[in-house]
N, C-alpha and C. Protein backbone atom coordinates (compact mmCIF):
# COMPACT_ATOMS: atom_id res chain seq x y z
N MET A 1 48.39 20.31 -59.68
CA MET A 1 49.53 19.55 -59.26
C MET A 1 49.44 19.26 -57.77
N ALA A 2 49.81 18.02 -57.40
CA ALA A 2 49.73 17.60 -55.99
C ALA A 2 50.78 18.33 -55.17
N ASP A 3 50.40 18.64 -53.93
CA ASP A 3 51.35 19.26 -53.01
C ASP A 3 52.47 18.26 -52.71
N PRO A 4 53.69 18.75 -52.43
CA PRO A 4 54.76 17.82 -52.12
C PRO A 4 54.48 17.11 -50.81
N ILE A 5 54.88 15.86 -50.73
CA ILE A 5 54.70 15.04 -49.55
C ILE A 5 55.94 15.16 -48.69
N PRO A 6 55.80 15.48 -47.39
CA PRO A 6 56.99 15.60 -46.54
C PRO A 6 57.66 14.24 -46.36
N GLU A 7 58.94 14.26 -46.10
CA GLU A 7 59.66 13.02 -45.81
C GLU A 7 59.28 12.55 -44.40
N LEU A 8 58.85 11.31 -44.27
CA LEU A 8 58.45 10.82 -42.99
C LEU A 8 59.63 10.11 -42.32
N GLY A 9 59.87 10.43 -41.08
CA GLY A 9 60.99 9.90 -40.35
C GLY A 9 60.57 8.83 -39.34
N VAL A 10 61.50 8.48 -38.48
CA VAL A 10 61.26 7.38 -37.52
C VAL A 10 60.18 7.75 -36.47
N ARG A 11 59.91 9.03 -36.30
CA ARG A 11 58.89 9.43 -35.30
C ARG A 11 57.51 9.58 -35.95
N ASP A 12 57.40 9.28 -37.28
CA ASP A 12 56.15 9.45 -38.00
C ASP A 12 55.43 8.14 -38.27
N ALA A 13 54.10 8.19 -38.33
CA ALA A 13 53.31 7.08 -38.83
C ALA A 13 52.23 7.62 -39.77
N LEU A 14 52.05 6.95 -40.89
CA LEU A 14 50.95 7.20 -41.81
C LEU A 14 49.84 6.27 -41.40
N VAL A 15 48.68 6.84 -41.04
CA VAL A 15 47.52 6.06 -40.57
C VAL A 15 46.44 6.11 -41.64
N VAL A 16 46.18 4.96 -42.23
CA VAL A 16 45.14 4.80 -43.27
C VAL A 16 43.91 4.22 -42.60
N VAL A 17 42.83 5.01 -42.56
CA VAL A 17 41.65 4.61 -41.82
C VAL A 17 40.59 4.03 -42.77
N ASP A 18 40.31 2.76 -42.61
CA ASP A 18 39.12 2.07 -43.16
C ASP A 18 38.89 2.28 -44.68
N VAL A 19 39.94 2.16 -45.46
CA VAL A 19 39.76 2.24 -46.93
C VAL A 19 39.39 0.85 -47.43
N GLN A 20 38.11 0.55 -47.19
CA GLN A 20 37.57 -0.80 -47.44
C GLN A 20 36.52 -0.73 -48.55
N ASN A 21 36.30 -1.87 -49.17
CA ASN A 21 35.36 -1.94 -50.29
C ASN A 21 33.97 -1.44 -49.91
N ASP A 22 33.48 -1.75 -48.74
CA ASP A 22 32.10 -1.36 -48.39
C ASP A 22 31.95 0.16 -48.25
N PHE A 23 33.05 0.91 -48.07
CA PHE A 23 32.99 2.35 -47.96
C PHE A 23 33.27 3.05 -49.29
N CYS A 24 33.46 2.29 -50.33
CA CYS A 24 33.74 2.83 -51.66
C CYS A 24 32.53 2.63 -52.56
N PRO A 25 32.43 3.32 -53.68
CA PRO A 25 31.30 3.17 -54.58
C PRO A 25 31.01 1.69 -54.88
N GLY A 26 29.73 1.32 -54.77
CA GLY A 26 29.35 -0.07 -54.99
C GLY A 26 29.30 -0.89 -53.71
N GLY A 27 29.81 -0.33 -52.63
CA GLY A 27 29.80 -1.05 -51.33
C GLY A 27 28.52 -0.87 -50.56
N ALA A 28 28.44 -1.54 -49.43
CA ALA A 28 27.25 -1.53 -48.60
C ALA A 28 26.96 -0.19 -47.93
N LEU A 29 28.03 0.59 -47.70
CA LEU A 29 27.90 1.91 -47.05
C LEU A 29 28.83 2.89 -47.75
N PRO A 30 28.53 3.16 -49.03
CA PRO A 30 29.49 3.93 -49.85
C PRO A 30 29.58 5.40 -49.45
N VAL A 31 30.81 5.87 -49.43
CA VAL A 31 31.10 7.29 -49.24
C VAL A 31 31.30 7.87 -50.66
N ALA A 32 30.61 8.96 -50.96
CA ALA A 32 30.75 9.56 -52.29
C ALA A 32 32.21 9.83 -52.59
N GLU A 33 32.68 9.34 -53.73
CA GLU A 33 34.05 9.48 -54.17
C GLU A 33 35.05 8.82 -53.19
N GLY A 34 34.59 7.87 -52.42
CA GLY A 34 35.48 7.21 -51.45
C GLY A 34 36.71 6.62 -52.10
N ASP A 35 36.59 6.12 -53.32
CA ASP A 35 37.71 5.50 -54.02
C ASP A 35 38.75 6.55 -54.46
N ARG A 36 38.37 7.84 -54.44
CA ARG A 36 39.29 8.87 -54.87
C ARG A 36 40.43 9.09 -53.85
N VAL A 37 40.28 8.57 -52.65
CA VAL A 37 41.36 8.68 -51.66
C VAL A 37 42.50 7.72 -51.96
N VAL A 38 42.24 6.68 -52.74
CA VAL A 38 43.22 5.62 -52.95
C VAL A 38 44.48 6.12 -53.65
N PRO A 39 44.39 6.81 -54.80
CA PRO A 39 45.60 7.30 -55.44
C PRO A 39 46.39 8.31 -54.60
N VAL A 40 45.66 9.12 -53.82
CA VAL A 40 46.36 10.07 -52.93
C VAL A 40 47.16 9.31 -51.88
N LEU A 41 46.51 8.35 -51.22
CA LEU A 41 47.19 7.57 -50.22
C LEU A 41 48.33 6.77 -50.82
N ASN A 42 48.17 6.28 -52.04
CA ASN A 42 49.26 5.51 -52.67
C ASN A 42 50.48 6.38 -52.90
N ARG A 43 50.27 7.68 -53.21
CA ARG A 43 51.44 8.59 -53.35
C ARG A 43 52.17 8.67 -52.03
N TRP A 44 51.45 8.78 -50.92
CA TRP A 44 52.07 8.82 -49.61
C TRP A 44 52.76 7.50 -49.29
N LEU A 45 52.12 6.42 -49.58
CA LEU A 45 52.68 5.09 -49.29
C LEU A 45 53.96 4.85 -50.07
N ALA A 46 54.05 5.43 -51.27
CA ALA A 46 55.25 5.23 -52.11
C ALA A 46 56.47 5.94 -51.55
N VAL A 47 56.29 6.95 -50.70
CA VAL A 47 57.41 7.72 -50.21
C VAL A 47 57.49 7.74 -48.68
N VAL A 48 56.83 6.77 -48.04
CA VAL A 48 56.75 6.79 -46.59
C VAL A 48 58.10 6.59 -45.91
N GLY A 49 59.07 6.00 -46.61
CA GLY A 49 60.44 5.89 -46.07
C GLY A 49 60.49 5.08 -44.80
N VAL A 50 61.11 5.62 -43.76
CA VAL A 50 61.31 4.88 -42.53
C VAL A 50 60.12 5.03 -41.57
N GLY A 51 59.14 5.80 -41.94
CA GLY A 51 57.94 5.94 -41.09
C GLY A 51 57.15 4.65 -41.06
N ALA A 52 56.36 4.48 -40.01
CA ALA A 52 55.49 3.28 -39.88
C ALA A 52 54.21 3.52 -40.71
N VAL A 53 53.60 2.41 -41.16
CA VAL A 53 52.32 2.47 -41.85
C VAL A 53 51.32 1.65 -41.00
N VAL A 54 50.17 2.29 -40.73
CA VAL A 54 49.10 1.66 -39.98
C VAL A 54 47.85 1.67 -40.89
N ALA A 55 47.15 0.57 -40.96
CA ALA A 55 45.87 0.55 -41.70
C ALA A 55 44.82 -0.06 -40.79
N SER A 56 43.80 0.73 -40.48
CA SER A 56 42.69 0.19 -39.67
C SER A 56 41.58 -0.29 -40.59
N ARG A 57 40.79 -1.19 -40.05
CA ARG A 57 39.60 -1.60 -40.78
C ARG A 57 38.51 -2.02 -39.81
N ASP A 58 37.28 -1.67 -40.18
CA ASP A 58 36.12 -2.22 -39.47
C ASP A 58 36.13 -3.72 -39.70
N TRP A 59 35.86 -4.45 -38.65
CA TRP A 59 35.93 -5.93 -38.74
C TRP A 59 34.77 -6.50 -37.92
N HIS A 60 33.56 -6.26 -38.48
CA HIS A 60 32.35 -6.51 -37.71
C HIS A 60 31.84 -7.93 -37.80
N PRO A 61 31.35 -8.47 -36.68
CA PRO A 61 30.56 -9.71 -36.76
C PRO A 61 29.20 -9.41 -37.41
N ARG A 62 28.53 -10.45 -37.87
CA ARG A 62 27.25 -10.25 -38.59
C ARG A 62 26.17 -9.59 -37.76
N ASN A 63 26.29 -9.68 -36.45
CA ASN A 63 25.23 -9.13 -35.55
C ASN A 63 25.72 -7.91 -34.80
N HIS A 64 26.51 -7.09 -35.47
CA HIS A 64 27.11 -5.93 -34.78
C HIS A 64 26.10 -4.90 -34.35
N VAL A 65 26.34 -4.29 -33.21
CA VAL A 65 25.42 -3.34 -32.60
C VAL A 65 25.19 -2.08 -33.47
N SER A 66 26.12 -1.76 -34.34
CA SER A 66 25.95 -0.56 -35.18
C SER A 66 25.02 -0.78 -36.37
N PHE A 67 24.61 -2.02 -36.61
CA PHE A 67 23.78 -2.33 -37.78
C PHE A 67 22.32 -2.00 -37.53
N GLU A 68 21.64 -1.58 -38.57
CA GLU A 68 20.23 -1.17 -38.48
C GLU A 68 19.35 -2.27 -37.88
N ASP A 69 19.62 -3.54 -38.23
CA ASP A 69 18.78 -4.61 -37.71
C ASP A 69 18.95 -4.85 -36.23
N ARG A 70 19.93 -4.17 -35.61
CA ARG A 70 20.07 -4.20 -34.13
C ARG A 70 19.80 -2.82 -33.55
N GLY A 71 19.20 -1.93 -34.34
CA GLY A 71 18.85 -0.61 -33.87
C GLY A 71 19.94 0.42 -34.05
N GLY A 72 21.03 0.07 -34.75
CA GLY A 72 22.12 1.00 -34.98
C GLY A 72 21.85 1.91 -36.17
N PRO A 73 22.76 2.83 -36.44
CA PRO A 73 22.52 3.82 -37.49
C PRO A 73 22.94 3.39 -38.90
N TRP A 74 23.65 2.24 -39.04
CA TRP A 74 24.26 1.90 -40.32
C TRP A 74 23.73 0.62 -40.91
N PRO A 75 23.68 0.51 -42.25
CA PRO A 75 23.42 -0.78 -42.85
C PRO A 75 24.58 -1.77 -42.54
N ARG A 76 24.29 -3.03 -42.69
CA ARG A 76 25.33 -4.04 -42.44
C ARG A 76 26.51 -3.78 -43.37
N HIS A 77 27.71 -3.72 -42.81
CA HIS A 77 28.90 -3.40 -43.62
C HIS A 77 30.16 -3.98 -42.96
N CYS A 78 31.18 -4.20 -43.78
CA CYS A 78 32.49 -4.64 -43.31
C CYS A 78 32.40 -5.86 -42.39
N VAL A 79 31.60 -6.82 -42.82
CA VAL A 79 31.46 -8.05 -42.05
C VAL A 79 32.74 -8.89 -42.23
N GLN A 80 33.24 -9.41 -41.13
CA GLN A 80 34.52 -10.12 -41.12
C GLN A 80 34.61 -11.16 -42.26
N ASN A 81 35.76 -11.16 -42.90
CA ASN A 81 36.08 -12.14 -43.96
C ASN A 81 35.20 -12.09 -45.18
N THR A 82 34.59 -10.92 -45.44
CA THR A 82 33.83 -10.74 -46.68
C THR A 82 34.58 -9.77 -47.59
N ARG A 83 34.17 -9.74 -48.84
CA ARG A 83 34.75 -8.83 -49.80
C ARG A 83 34.60 -7.38 -49.35
N GLY A 84 33.46 -7.07 -48.75
CA GLY A 84 33.20 -5.70 -48.31
C GLY A 84 34.17 -5.22 -47.23
N ALA A 85 34.66 -6.15 -46.41
CA ALA A 85 35.60 -5.79 -45.34
C ALA A 85 37.03 -5.68 -45.85
N ALA A 86 37.30 -6.18 -47.04
CA ALA A 86 38.67 -6.13 -47.57
C ALA A 86 39.08 -4.69 -47.90
N PHE A 87 40.36 -4.45 -47.82
CA PHE A 87 40.90 -3.16 -48.26
C PHE A 87 40.61 -3.01 -49.76
N HIS A 88 40.46 -1.76 -50.19
CA HIS A 88 40.27 -1.47 -51.62
C HIS A 88 41.40 -2.15 -52.41
N PRO A 89 41.08 -2.84 -53.50
CA PRO A 89 42.12 -3.63 -54.18
C PRO A 89 43.26 -2.83 -54.76
N ASP A 90 43.05 -1.53 -55.00
CA ASP A 90 44.12 -0.69 -55.56
C ASP A 90 45.01 -0.04 -54.50
N LEU A 91 44.66 -0.21 -53.23
CA LEU A 91 45.46 0.38 -52.15
C LEU A 91 46.74 -0.41 -52.00
N ARG A 92 47.88 0.25 -52.10
CA ARG A 92 49.18 -0.43 -52.10
C ARG A 92 49.83 -0.38 -50.72
N LEU A 93 49.31 -1.18 -49.82
CA LEU A 93 49.87 -1.25 -48.47
C LEU A 93 51.12 -2.10 -48.48
N PRO A 94 52.21 -1.62 -47.86
CA PRO A 94 53.42 -2.44 -47.81
C PRO A 94 53.24 -3.64 -46.90
N GLY A 95 54.09 -4.64 -47.07
CA GLY A 95 53.99 -5.86 -46.29
C GLY A 95 54.12 -5.70 -44.81
N GLU A 96 54.85 -4.64 -44.38
CA GLU A 96 55.07 -4.44 -42.95
C GLU A 96 54.01 -3.53 -42.31
N THR A 97 52.90 -3.30 -43.01
CA THR A 97 51.81 -2.49 -42.47
C THR A 97 51.25 -3.10 -41.20
N TRP A 98 51.01 -2.25 -40.19
CA TRP A 98 50.33 -2.72 -38.98
C TRP A 98 48.83 -2.69 -39.27
N ILE A 99 48.17 -3.82 -39.25
CA ILE A 99 46.73 -3.92 -39.49
C ILE A 99 46.00 -3.87 -38.15
N ILE A 100 45.09 -2.91 -38.03
CA ILE A 100 44.33 -2.71 -36.81
C ILE A 100 42.86 -3.05 -37.07
N HIS A 101 42.33 -4.00 -36.33
CA HIS A 101 40.91 -4.35 -36.43
C HIS A 101 40.14 -3.59 -35.35
N LYS A 102 38.96 -3.11 -35.75
CA LYS A 102 38.09 -2.45 -34.77
C LYS A 102 36.64 -2.81 -35.05
N GLY A 103 35.81 -2.71 -34.01
CA GLY A 103 34.40 -3.04 -34.15
C GLY A 103 34.15 -4.53 -34.22
N SER A 104 35.03 -5.34 -33.62
CA SER A 104 34.83 -6.80 -33.70
C SER A 104 34.03 -7.36 -32.51
N ASP A 105 33.80 -6.52 -31.50
CA ASP A 105 32.94 -6.90 -30.37
C ASP A 105 31.50 -6.64 -30.85
N PRO A 106 30.61 -7.65 -30.86
CA PRO A 106 29.25 -7.46 -31.39
C PRO A 106 28.46 -6.39 -30.61
N ASP A 107 28.81 -6.14 -29.36
CA ASP A 107 28.04 -5.23 -28.54
C ASP A 107 28.70 -3.88 -28.26
N ARG A 108 29.75 -3.58 -29.00
CA ARG A 108 30.44 -2.30 -28.79
C ARG A 108 30.94 -1.76 -30.09
N ASP A 109 30.69 -0.46 -30.34
CA ASP A 109 31.20 0.16 -31.55
C ASP A 109 32.54 0.79 -31.25
N GLN A 110 33.37 0.90 -32.30
CA GLN A 110 34.68 1.56 -32.19
C GLN A 110 34.86 2.33 -33.48
N TYR A 111 34.78 3.63 -33.41
CA TYR A 111 35.02 4.44 -34.59
C TYR A 111 36.49 4.76 -34.75
N SER A 112 37.17 4.98 -33.67
CA SER A 112 38.58 5.40 -33.70
C SER A 112 39.52 4.19 -33.80
N ALA A 113 40.58 4.33 -34.59
CA ALA A 113 41.62 3.31 -34.68
C ALA A 113 42.42 3.22 -33.39
N LEU A 114 42.25 4.16 -32.48
CA LEU A 114 42.99 4.13 -31.21
C LEU A 114 42.09 3.69 -30.04
N ASP A 115 40.84 3.35 -30.31
CA ASP A 115 39.89 3.00 -29.26
C ASP A 115 40.03 1.53 -28.86
N ARG A 116 40.79 1.28 -27.80
CA ARG A 116 41.02 -0.07 -27.26
C ARG A 116 41.57 -1.04 -28.27
N THR A 117 42.43 -0.56 -29.15
CA THR A 117 43.06 -1.44 -30.16
C THR A 117 44.50 -1.75 -29.83
N GLY A 118 45.05 -1.06 -28.86
CA GLY A 118 46.48 -1.20 -28.54
C GLY A 118 47.39 -0.36 -29.42
N LEU A 119 46.79 0.41 -30.35
CA LEU A 119 47.62 1.19 -31.28
C LEU A 119 48.39 2.28 -30.56
N THR A 120 47.75 2.96 -29.61
CA THR A 120 48.47 4.06 -28.89
C THR A 120 49.74 3.52 -28.24
N GLU A 121 49.65 2.41 -27.56
CA GLU A 121 50.80 1.81 -26.87
C GLU A 121 51.88 1.35 -27.89
N ARG A 122 51.43 0.80 -28.99
CA ARG A 122 52.37 0.33 -30.01
C ARG A 122 53.13 1.50 -30.61
N LEU A 123 52.44 2.61 -30.91
CA LEU A 123 53.11 3.78 -31.44
C LEU A 123 54.10 4.34 -30.44
N ARG A 124 53.69 4.45 -29.16
CA ARG A 124 54.61 4.96 -28.15
C ARG A 124 55.79 4.05 -27.97
N GLY A 125 55.56 2.75 -28.10
CA GLY A 125 56.68 1.79 -27.99
C GLY A 125 57.70 1.95 -29.07
N ARG A 126 57.34 2.53 -30.19
CA ARG A 126 58.27 2.84 -31.26
C ARG A 126 58.73 4.30 -31.27
N SER A 127 58.39 5.04 -30.22
CA SER A 127 58.73 6.46 -30.09
C SER A 127 58.16 7.30 -31.21
N ILE A 128 57.02 6.90 -31.73
CA ILE A 128 56.31 7.67 -32.78
C ILE A 128 55.41 8.70 -32.07
N ASP A 129 55.56 9.95 -32.47
CA ASP A 129 54.72 10.97 -31.85
C ASP A 129 54.03 11.89 -32.85
N ARG A 130 54.18 11.61 -34.15
CA ARG A 130 53.52 12.42 -35.18
C ARG A 130 52.79 11.50 -36.14
N LEU A 131 51.48 11.76 -36.31
CA LEU A 131 50.64 10.95 -37.16
C LEU A 131 50.10 11.76 -38.33
N TRP A 132 50.11 11.11 -39.51
CA TRP A 132 49.54 11.67 -40.75
C TRP A 132 48.37 10.76 -41.08
N ILE A 133 47.16 11.32 -41.08
CA ILE A 133 45.95 10.50 -41.14
C ILE A 133 45.10 10.84 -42.36
N GLY A 134 44.65 9.79 -43.05
CA GLY A 134 43.69 9.90 -44.15
C GLY A 134 42.80 8.66 -44.17
N GLY A 135 41.78 8.67 -45.00
CA GLY A 135 40.94 7.49 -45.13
C GLY A 135 39.45 7.86 -45.09
N LEU A 136 38.65 6.89 -44.62
CA LEU A 136 37.19 7.00 -44.67
C LEU A 136 36.57 6.65 -43.34
N ALA A 137 35.50 7.29 -43.02
CA ALA A 137 34.98 8.51 -43.61
C ALA A 137 35.41 9.69 -42.75
N LEU A 138 35.61 10.80 -43.39
CA LEU A 138 36.12 12.01 -42.75
C LEU A 138 35.35 12.38 -41.48
N ASP A 139 34.01 12.35 -41.55
CA ASP A 139 33.18 12.82 -40.49
C ASP A 139 32.82 11.75 -39.46
N VAL A 140 33.36 10.53 -39.63
CA VAL A 140 33.02 9.45 -38.69
C VAL A 140 34.35 8.88 -38.13
N CYS A 141 34.90 7.89 -38.80
CA CYS A 141 36.08 7.19 -38.23
C CYS A 141 37.37 8.01 -38.32
N VAL A 142 37.54 8.78 -39.38
CA VAL A 142 38.72 9.62 -39.47
C VAL A 142 38.66 10.68 -38.35
N ARG A 143 37.53 11.33 -38.21
CA ARG A 143 37.33 12.32 -37.14
C ARG A 143 37.63 11.73 -35.77
N ALA A 144 37.06 10.57 -35.47
CA ALA A 144 37.26 9.94 -34.18
C ALA A 144 38.72 9.58 -33.94
N THR A 145 39.39 9.11 -34.98
CA THR A 145 40.82 8.75 -34.88
C THR A 145 41.66 9.99 -34.62
N VAL A 146 41.43 11.06 -35.37
CA VAL A 146 42.16 12.28 -35.17
C VAL A 146 41.98 12.83 -33.76
N LEU A 147 40.73 12.90 -33.30
CA LEU A 147 40.46 13.46 -31.98
C LEU A 147 41.07 12.60 -30.87
N ASP A 148 40.98 11.27 -30.99
CA ASP A 148 41.61 10.41 -29.99
C ASP A 148 43.12 10.55 -29.98
N ALA A 149 43.70 10.69 -31.17
CA ALA A 149 45.15 10.84 -31.27
C ALA A 149 45.61 12.14 -30.62
N LEU A 150 44.85 13.21 -30.84
CA LEU A 150 45.16 14.48 -30.18
C LEU A 150 45.03 14.35 -28.67
N ASP A 151 43.96 13.70 -28.20
CA ASP A 151 43.77 13.50 -26.77
C ASP A 151 44.92 12.69 -26.15
N ALA A 152 45.49 11.80 -26.95
CA ALA A 152 46.57 10.96 -26.46
C ALA A 152 47.92 11.67 -26.50
N GLY A 153 47.94 12.91 -27.05
CA GLY A 153 49.18 13.69 -27.05
C GLY A 153 50.00 13.63 -28.30
N PHE A 154 49.48 13.02 -29.37
CA PHE A 154 50.22 12.96 -30.62
C PHE A 154 50.09 14.28 -31.38
N GLU A 155 51.09 14.60 -32.16
CA GLU A 155 50.96 15.68 -33.16
C GLU A 155 50.24 15.06 -34.34
N VAL A 156 49.17 15.70 -34.80
CA VAL A 156 48.32 15.08 -35.83
C VAL A 156 48.18 16.00 -37.03
N HIS A 157 48.37 15.40 -38.20
CA HIS A 157 48.19 16.08 -39.48
C HIS A 157 47.11 15.31 -40.26
N LEU A 158 46.01 15.98 -40.59
CA LEU A 158 44.99 15.35 -41.45
C LEU A 158 45.35 15.61 -42.89
N ILE A 159 45.44 14.55 -43.70
CA ILE A 159 45.70 14.68 -45.13
C ILE A 159 44.35 14.90 -45.80
N ALA A 160 43.99 16.16 -45.98
CA ALA A 160 42.63 16.50 -46.40
C ALA A 160 42.26 15.91 -47.76
N ASP A 161 43.21 15.86 -48.69
CA ASP A 161 42.90 15.27 -50.00
C ASP A 161 42.74 13.77 -49.96
N ALA A 162 43.15 13.15 -48.88
CA ALA A 162 43.07 11.68 -48.75
C ALA A 162 41.91 11.22 -47.90
N THR A 163 40.83 12.06 -47.85
CA THR A 163 39.66 11.67 -47.07
C THR A 163 38.41 12.23 -47.73
N ARG A 164 37.27 11.59 -47.48
CA ARG A 164 35.97 12.02 -47.96
C ARG A 164 34.97 11.80 -46.86
N ALA A 165 33.90 12.62 -46.88
CA ALA A 165 32.88 12.55 -45.82
C ALA A 165 31.67 11.76 -46.30
N VAL A 166 31.03 11.07 -45.36
CA VAL A 166 29.76 10.41 -45.67
C VAL A 166 28.64 11.43 -45.67
N ASP A 167 28.77 12.53 -44.91
CA ASP A 167 27.78 13.62 -44.88
C ASP A 167 26.36 13.12 -44.66
N VAL A 168 26.14 12.42 -43.53
CA VAL A 168 24.79 12.02 -43.18
C VAL A 168 23.87 13.25 -43.15
N GLU A 169 24.37 14.31 -42.55
CA GLU A 169 23.71 15.62 -42.61
C GLU A 169 24.61 16.52 -43.48
N PRO A 170 24.01 17.30 -44.39
CA PRO A 170 24.84 18.17 -45.22
C PRO A 170 25.78 19.04 -44.39
N GLY A 171 27.04 19.07 -44.81
CA GLY A 171 28.02 19.88 -44.08
C GLY A 171 28.76 19.16 -42.98
N ASP A 172 28.46 17.89 -42.75
CA ASP A 172 29.14 17.14 -41.67
C ASP A 172 30.66 17.13 -41.88
N GLY A 173 31.09 16.97 -43.12
CA GLY A 173 32.52 16.94 -43.41
C GLY A 173 33.19 18.26 -43.06
N ALA A 174 32.60 19.33 -43.46
CA ALA A 174 33.19 20.66 -43.15
C ALA A 174 33.20 20.91 -41.64
N ARG A 175 32.15 20.51 -40.95
CA ARG A 175 32.11 20.68 -39.48
C ARG A 175 33.19 19.82 -38.83
N ALA A 176 33.40 18.62 -39.36
CA ALA A 176 34.43 17.75 -38.80
C ALA A 176 35.82 18.36 -38.97
N ILE A 177 36.07 18.95 -40.14
CA ILE A 177 37.38 19.62 -40.38
C ILE A 177 37.56 20.74 -39.36
N ASP A 178 36.53 21.56 -39.18
CA ASP A 178 36.62 22.67 -38.24
C ASP A 178 36.87 22.16 -36.82
N GLU A 179 36.18 21.09 -36.43
CA GLU A 179 36.35 20.54 -35.08
C GLU A 179 37.79 20.02 -34.88
N MET A 180 38.31 19.33 -35.88
CA MET A 180 39.65 18.77 -35.77
C MET A 180 40.70 19.90 -35.73
N ARG A 181 40.50 20.94 -36.53
CA ARG A 181 41.43 22.07 -36.51
C ARG A 181 41.40 22.76 -35.16
N ARG A 182 40.19 22.98 -34.59
CA ARG A 182 40.08 23.63 -33.29
C ARG A 182 40.72 22.79 -32.18
N ALA A 183 40.66 21.46 -32.36
CA ALA A 183 41.26 20.56 -31.36
C ALA A 183 42.77 20.52 -31.45
N GLY A 184 43.34 21.03 -32.55
CA GLY A 184 44.80 21.10 -32.66
C GLY A 184 45.40 20.36 -33.83
N ALA A 185 44.58 19.75 -34.69
CA ALA A 185 45.13 19.04 -35.86
C ALA A 185 45.55 20.06 -36.92
N ALA A 186 46.64 19.76 -37.62
CA ALA A 186 47.06 20.51 -38.80
C ALA A 186 46.33 19.93 -39.98
N ILE A 187 45.73 20.75 -40.81
CA ILE A 187 45.02 20.29 -41.99
C ILE A 187 45.95 20.44 -43.21
N GLU A 188 46.30 19.35 -43.87
CA GLU A 188 47.23 19.33 -44.98
C GLU A 188 46.53 18.88 -46.27
N PRO A 189 46.49 19.60 -47.36
CA PRO A 189 46.88 21.01 -47.43
C PRO A 189 45.74 21.89 -46.95
N GLU A 190 46.07 22.93 -46.26
CA GLU A 190 45.09 23.84 -45.69
C GLU A 190 44.18 24.43 -46.76
N THR A 191 44.67 24.62 -47.98
CA THR A 191 43.90 25.31 -49.02
C THR A 191 42.66 24.54 -49.46
N ARG A 192 42.65 23.21 -49.32
CA ARG A 192 41.48 22.46 -49.82
C ARG A 192 40.19 22.89 -49.15
N HIS A 193 40.22 23.18 -47.86
CA HIS A 193 39.00 23.49 -47.13
C HIS A 193 38.95 24.94 -46.66
N ALA A 194 39.75 25.76 -47.30
CA ALA A 194 39.76 27.21 -46.89
C ALA A 194 38.49 27.87 -47.33
């Protein structure tokens, strides 16, 4: 049985990181079981109440610096205006979702949803100080978003059941969880990674 979802208030934001087709099975850079985060996030989205909803997405030009053909670590993925860059079709984002694009400069990578996107200022402008974060991938963009949010002074809760790791090296996901916990993030539910 799923753990109860807390009621989100005006100081809360649910941050959905990069739940895009290319990061799900069949995509250009699939995360194992990446699509399994969708029903978990949909449960949160269904009860978000007065909290804000943010959804980030990689929005890369075809010649992005992170791609292998430019010497980067990743295959070409989430190219602007392609099916791979679209949100997973089963993800039920409300109409008032704040969409954050990142990685659109061909010569600069952005793993975090708070890295020069204006999101930090927008959240502060709404007096939001508590973030609930899930999405893909745990050990890359979710990790970077959580750590940047903590550095910016937000209270951060990682929704552990709503994320999966790419695990370039075995154990990367578990190491990311430990790093985020040590940095001050609350891991929800704690039992999943105990």
